[in-house]
Amino acid sequence: MSDLGCSDGHIHEDARGNNDWIRSVALLADTEIVTSGSDDKTIKIWDAVTGTYTKTDA
């Protein structure tokens, strides 16, 4: 994932890292953080600028 492309409200790249269907995505206001919630019961945290995966919470 190189660029989430969130500036126009659409994700342009695959959010690789989740092991099942992604059911929710949130862009945190006034930050550069995107989260994704998956059927694999994890929340992935991404850097919205670089598209870099940073952390998993279960």
N, C-alpha and C. Protein backbone atom coordinates (compact mmCIF):
# COMPACT_ATOMS: atom_id res chain seq x y z
N MET A 1 0.86 -1.16 0.00
CA MET A 1 0.00 0.00 0.00
C MET A 1 0.90 1.22 0.00
N SER A 2 0.84 1.97 -1.04
CA SER A 2 1.75 3.11 -1.15
C SER A 2 1.05 4.45 -0.95
N ASP A 3 -0.22 4.55 -1.28
CA ASP A 3 -0.94 5.82 -1.16
C ASP A 3 -2.40 5.51 -0.95
N LEU A 4 -2.93 5.89 0.19
CA LEU A 4 -4.34 5.61 0.47
C LEU A 4 -5.25 6.45 -0.38
N GLY A 5 -4.77 7.58 -0.89
CA GLY A 5 -5.57 8.40 -1.78
C GLY A 5 -6.80 8.98 -1.12
N CYS A 6 -6.73 9.25 0.16
CA CYS A 6 -7.91 9.69 0.91
C CYS A 6 -8.32 11.13 0.62
N SER A 7 -7.53 11.88 -0.07
CA SER A 7 -7.86 13.28 -0.31
C SER A 7 -9.15 13.45 -1.09
N ASP A 8 -9.52 12.46 -1.91
CA ASP A 8 -10.77 12.57 -2.66
C ASP A 8 -11.86 11.66 -2.09
N GLY A 9 -11.59 11.07 -0.91
CA GLY A 9 -12.60 10.24 -0.26
C GLY A 9 -12.60 8.80 -0.70
N HIS A 10 -11.64 8.38 -1.52
CA HIS A 10 -11.58 7.01 -1.99
C HIS A 10 -10.22 6.41 -1.67
N ILE A 11 -10.22 5.14 -1.35
CA ILE A 11 -8.97 4.42 -1.15
C ILE A 11 -8.57 3.82 -2.49
N HIS A 12 -7.38 4.18 -2.96
CA HIS A 12 -6.94 3.78 -4.29
C HIS A 12 -6.07 2.54 -4.30
N GLU A 13 -5.54 2.15 -3.19
CA GLU A 13 -4.64 1.00 -3.14
C GLU A 13 -5.22 -0.06 -2.21
N ASP A 14 -4.71 -1.27 -2.33
CA ASP A 14 -5.11 -2.35 -1.45
C ASP A 14 -4.57 -2.10 -0.05
N ALA A 15 -5.40 -2.36 0.94
CA ALA A 15 -4.97 -2.28 2.34
C ALA A 15 -4.45 -3.65 2.74
N ARG A 16 -3.31 -4.01 2.24
CA ARG A 16 -2.74 -5.32 2.54
C ARG A 16 -2.33 -5.35 4.01
N GLY A 17 -2.63 -6.44 4.65
CA GLY A 17 -2.29 -6.59 6.06
C GLY A 17 -3.44 -7.20 6.83
N ASN A 18 -4.67 -6.89 6.44
CA ASN A 18 -5.81 -7.55 7.05
C ASN A 18 -5.93 -8.95 6.45
N ASN A 19 -6.35 -9.90 7.27
CA ASN A 19 -6.42 -11.29 6.83
C ASN A 19 -7.83 -11.73 6.47
N ASP A 20 -8.77 -10.81 6.43
CA ASP A 20 -10.14 -11.12 6.08
C ASP A 20 -10.76 -9.84 5.51
N TRP A 21 -12.05 -9.89 5.22
CA TRP A 21 -12.73 -8.71 4.66
C TRP A 21 -12.63 -7.50 5.58
N ILE A 22 -12.31 -6.35 5.01
CA ILE A 22 -12.32 -5.09 5.76
C ILE A 22 -13.75 -4.59 5.80
N ARG A 23 -14.26 -4.33 7.00
CA ARG A 23 -15.65 -3.92 7.18
C ARG A 23 -15.80 -2.44 7.53
N SER A 24 -14.71 -1.82 7.98
CA SER A 24 -14.80 -0.39 8.31
C SER A 24 -13.44 0.26 8.12
N VAL A 25 -13.50 1.53 7.74
CA VAL A 25 -12.30 2.35 7.58
C VAL A 25 -12.61 3.72 8.16
N ALA A 26 -11.68 4.26 8.93
CA ALA A 26 -11.88 5.59 9.52
C ALA A 26 -10.63 6.43 9.34
N LEU A 27 -10.83 7.67 8.92
CA LEU A 27 -9.76 8.66 8.85
C LEU A 27 -9.94 9.55 10.05
N LEU A 28 -8.96 9.59 10.94
CA LEU A 28 -9.07 10.36 12.17
C LEU A 28 -8.83 11.84 11.86
N ALA A 29 -9.79 12.67 12.25
CA ALA A 29 -9.73 14.11 11.97
C ALA A 29 -8.47 14.73 12.57
N ASP A 30 -7.91 15.67 11.82
CA ASP A 30 -6.74 16.43 12.26
C ASP A 30 -5.50 15.56 12.52
N THR A 31 -5.47 14.36 11.94
CA THR A 31 -4.28 13.51 12.07
C THR A 31 -3.95 12.95 10.69
N GLU A 32 -2.91 12.18 10.65
CA GLU A 32 -2.53 11.48 9.42
C GLU A 32 -2.66 9.99 9.64
N ILE A 33 -3.75 9.58 10.35
CA ILE A 33 -3.95 8.19 10.72
C ILE A 33 -5.24 7.67 10.09
N VAL A 34 -5.15 6.48 9.51
CA VAL A 34 -6.31 5.75 9.00
C VAL A 34 -6.36 4.42 9.73
N THR A 35 -7.55 3.99 10.13
CA THR A 35 -7.71 2.67 10.74
C THR A 35 -8.61 1.81 9.86
N SER A 36 -8.38 0.50 9.91
CA SER A 36 -9.24 -0.44 9.19
C SER A 36 -9.62 -1.57 10.14
N GLY A 37 -10.91 -1.89 10.16
CA GLY A 37 -11.42 -2.98 10.99
C GLY A 37 -11.82 -4.14 10.09
N SER A 38 -11.44 -5.34 10.48
CA SER A 38 -11.61 -6.50 9.62
C SER A 38 -12.37 -7.62 10.32
N ASP A 39 -12.91 -8.53 9.50
CA ASP A 39 -13.55 -9.73 10.03
C ASP A 39 -12.55 -10.63 10.75
N ASP A 40 -11.26 -10.38 10.61
CA ASP A 40 -10.27 -11.17 11.35
C ASP A 40 -10.13 -10.68 12.80
N LYS A 41 -11.05 -9.77 13.19
CA LYS A 41 -11.13 -9.24 14.56
C LYS A 41 -9.92 -8.41 14.96
N THR A 42 -9.32 -7.72 13.98
CA THR A 42 -8.21 -6.82 14.27
C THR A 42 -8.52 -5.43 13.73
N ILE A 43 -7.84 -4.47 14.31
CA ILE A 43 -7.86 -3.09 13.82
C ILE A 43 -6.43 -2.78 13.41
N LYS A 44 -6.26 -2.40 12.15
CA LYS A 44 -4.94 -2.02 11.64
C LYS A 44 -4.86 -0.50 11.62
N ILE A 45 -3.70 0.02 11.96
CA ILE A 45 -3.47 1.47 11.98
C ILE A 45 -2.43 1.79 10.91
N TRP A 46 -2.76 2.77 10.07
CA TRP A 46 -1.95 3.12 8.90
C TRP A 46 -1.57 4.59 8.94
N ASP A 47 -0.43 4.92 8.38
CA ASP A 47 -0.03 6.31 8.15
C ASP A 47 -0.66 6.72 6.82
N ALA A 48 -1.55 7.71 6.84
CA ALA A 48 -2.29 8.12 5.64
C ALA A 48 -1.41 8.79 4.60
N VAL A 49 -0.30 9.34 5.00
CA VAL A 49 0.57 10.04 4.06
C VAL A 49 1.43 9.04 3.28
N THR A 50 2.04 8.10 3.99
CA THR A 50 2.95 7.16 3.35
C THR A 50 2.27 5.85 2.97
N GLY A 51 1.10 5.55 3.58
CA GLY A 51 0.43 4.28 3.36
C GLY A 51 1.06 3.14 4.13
N THR A 52 1.96 3.47 5.04
CA THR A 52 2.69 2.47 5.81
C THR A 52 1.84 1.94 6.96
N TYR A 53 1.79 0.63 7.08
CA TYR A 53 1.14 -0.02 8.21
C TYR A 53 1.97 0.22 9.45
N THR A 54 1.33 0.59 10.58
CA THR A 54 2.11 0.90 11.77
C THR A 54 1.83 0.00 12.96
N LYS A 55 0.59 -0.54 13.09
CA LYS A 55 0.28 -1.27 14.30
C LYS A 55 -1.00 -2.10 14.10
N THR A 56 -1.11 -3.20 14.89
CA THR A 56 -2.33 -4.00 14.94
C THR A 56 -2.83 -4.03 16.37
N ASP A 57 -4.12 -3.78 16.55
CA ASP A 57 -4.78 -3.97 17.84
C ASP A 57 -5.81 -5.08 17.67
N ALA A 58 -5.87 -5.95 18.66
CA ALA A 58 -6.83 -7.06 18.58
C ALA A 58 -7.95 -6.86 19.58
